Amino acid sequence: MCDPVDFDTDDPAFWVNAVNPTQSLVIETDKDTNGGLYVFDLEGKIIPSKTIKGLKSPDNVDIAYGLNLAGKKTDIAVTTELYIQKLRIFAPPDVKPVDNGGLRVFELETGQNSPI
């Protein structure tokens, strides 16, 4: 049983620590306009220092391994912030942002004023 989140958790992704698999992480979105990216240990306990709160309707999270970022191989966790139409990119195991505040995507059509 996992620790509870504030709103509506969904779409877990597993980051596997190649050096020490017992230190792997479960990363899930918490879908709300004041949602977050929750990070759990393998016992289902939230890791507050790695959890990102205040994301605007995060939806889905995926993991990629070994992205070349500034000349260094970096694992990433990617989610969307639907309400503000951005991709957000964080680097496990610390789950720190590596996206300078996000990448604009999902541009809305003229006259549309609600998130996708």
Protein backbone atom coordinates (compact mmCIF):
# COMPACT_ATOMS: atom_id res chain seq x y z
CA MET A 1 0.00 0.00 0.00
CA CYS A 2 1.37 3.40 -1.03
CA ASP A 3 1.20 6.59 0.99
CA PRO A 4 -1.77 8.74 -0.11
CA VAL A 5 -1.36 11.79 -2.37
CA ASP A 6 -3.37 15.00 -2.34
CA PHE A 7 -5.60 14.46 -5.38
CA ASP A 8 -5.69 11.76 -8.08
CA THR A 9 -2.57 9.67 -8.55
CA ASP A 10 -2.09 7.96 -11.87
CA ASP A 11 0.36 6.52 -14.36
CA PRO A 12 3.29 5.16 -12.34
CA ALA A 13 6.70 4.93 -13.95
CA PHE A 14 9.58 2.99 -12.49
CA TRP A 15 13.10 4.39 -12.49
CA VAL A 16 15.53 1.52 -12.00
CA ASN A 17 18.77 2.39 -10.26
CA ALA A 18 21.35 0.43 -12.28
CA VAL A 19 23.98 0.65 -9.53
CA ASN A 20 21.70 -0.34 -6.64
CA PRO A 21 18.27 -1.66 -7.72
CA THR A 22 16.99 -1.51 -4.12
CA GLN A 23 17.22 2.29 -4.45
CA SER A 24 14.93 2.38 -7.48
CA LEU A 25 11.97 4.80 -7.47
CA VAL A 26 8.29 4.81 -8.37
CA ILE A 27 7.22 8.15 -9.88
CA GLU A 28 3.54 9.04 -10.31
CA THR A 29 1.55 12.07 -11.35
CA ASP A 30 -1.07 13.63 -9.06
CA LYS A 31 -3.63 15.05 -11.47
CA ASP A 32 -4.98 18.43 -10.41
CA THR A 33 -4.39 22.09 -11.28
CA ASN A 34 -2.28 22.12 -8.09
CA GLY A 35 -0.94 18.59 -8.60
CA GLY A 36 2.49 17.11 -8.49
CA LEU A 37 4.98 14.46 -9.37
CA TYR A 38 5.15 12.12 -6.40
CA VAL A 39 8.21 9.99 -5.80
CA PHE A 40 7.95 6.78 -3.77
CA ASP A 41 10.49 4.29 -2.53
CA LEU A 42 9.95 0.59 -3.25
CA GLU A 43 8.02 0.24 0.02
CA GLY A 44 5.40 2.74 -1.22
CA LYS A 45 6.53 5.59 1.04
CA ILE A 46 6.55 9.11 -0.37
CA ILE A 47 10.00 10.69 -0.51
CA PRO A 48 9.19 14.36 0.25
CA SER A 49 12.62 15.68 -0.77
CA LYS A 50 12.16 14.26 -4.28
CA THR A 51 8.44 14.99 -4.73
CA ILE A 52 7.56 17.99 -6.93
CA LYS A 53 4.35 19.79 -5.90
CA GLY A 54 2.55 22.70 -7.54
CA LEU A 55 2.49 21.33 -11.09
CA LYS A 56 -0.49 22.41 -13.17
CA SER A 57 -2.41 19.26 -14.15
CA PRO A 58 0.48 16.83 -14.64
CA ASP A 59 -0.55 13.98 -16.88
CA ASN A 60 1.46 10.82 -17.49
CA VAL A 61 5.12 10.30 -16.71
CA ASP A 62 7.72 8.32 -18.63
CA ILE A 63 11.34 7.43 -17.97
CA ALA A 64 14.24 7.48 -20.43
CA TYR A 65 17.76 6.35 -19.66
CA GLY A 66 21.12 7.76 -20.72
CA LEU A 67 20.09 11.01 -22.44
CA ASN A 68 23.20 13.01 -23.33
CA LEU A 69 22.67 16.23 -21.37
CA ALA A 70 25.54 18.73 -21.31
CA GLY A 71 27.94 15.91 -22.18
CA LYS A 72 26.80 13.66 -19.36
CA LYS A 73 24.54 10.60 -19.60
CA THR A 74 21.41 11.48 -17.64
CA ASP A 75 18.25 9.54 -16.88
CA ILE A 76 15.08 11.61 -17.16
CA ALA A 77 11.45 11.54 -16.04
CA VAL A 78 9.17 13.46 -18.42
CA THR A 79 5.64 14.62 -17.67
CA THR A 80 3.23 17.15 -19.12
CA GLU A 81 1.66 20.12 -17.38
CA LEU A 82 -1.53 20.24 -19.39
CA TYR A 83 -2.96 23.39 -17.86
CA ILE A 84 0.03 25.49 -18.93
CA GLN A 85 0.92 23.36 -21.99
CA LYS A 86 4.47 22.42 -21.04
CA LEU A 87 6.63 19.34 -20.99
CA ARG A 88 8.54 19.05 -17.73
CA ILE A 89 11.78 17.10 -17.43
CA PHE A 90 13.36 15.94 -14.16
CA ALA A 91 16.51 13.88 -13.51
CA PRO A 92 16.33 10.94 -11.11
CA PRO A 93 17.54 9.92 -8.62
CA ASP A 94 17.34 13.43 -7.13
CA VAL A 95 14.35 14.32 -9.35
CA LYS A 96 15.64 17.82 -9.99
CA PRO A 97 14.35 19.86 -12.97
CA VAL A 98 16.61 19.96 -16.04
CA ASP A 99 14.21 21.86 -18.32
CA ASN A 100 14.65 25.54 -17.33
CA GLY A 101 10.99 25.74 -16.30
CA GLY A 102 9.50 23.58 -19.03
CA LEU A 103 9.14 23.35 -22.78
CA ARG A 104 6.04 24.86 -24.45
CA VAL A 105 3.89 22.31 -26.29
CA PHE A 106 0.21 21.75 -27.02
CA GLU A 107 -0.37 25.29 -28.29
CA LEU A 108 -4.08 26.02 -28.20
CA GLU A 109 -6.04 27.20 -31.19
CA THR A 110 -7.06 30.85 -31.43
CA GLY A 111 -10.05 31.61 -29.21
CA GLN A 112 -9.72 28.51 -27.09
CA ASN A 113 -9.25 29.31 -23.41
CA SER A 114 -9.19 25.99 -21.60
CA PRO A 115 -6.56 23.31 -21.23
CA ILE A 116 -6.58 20.32 -23.54
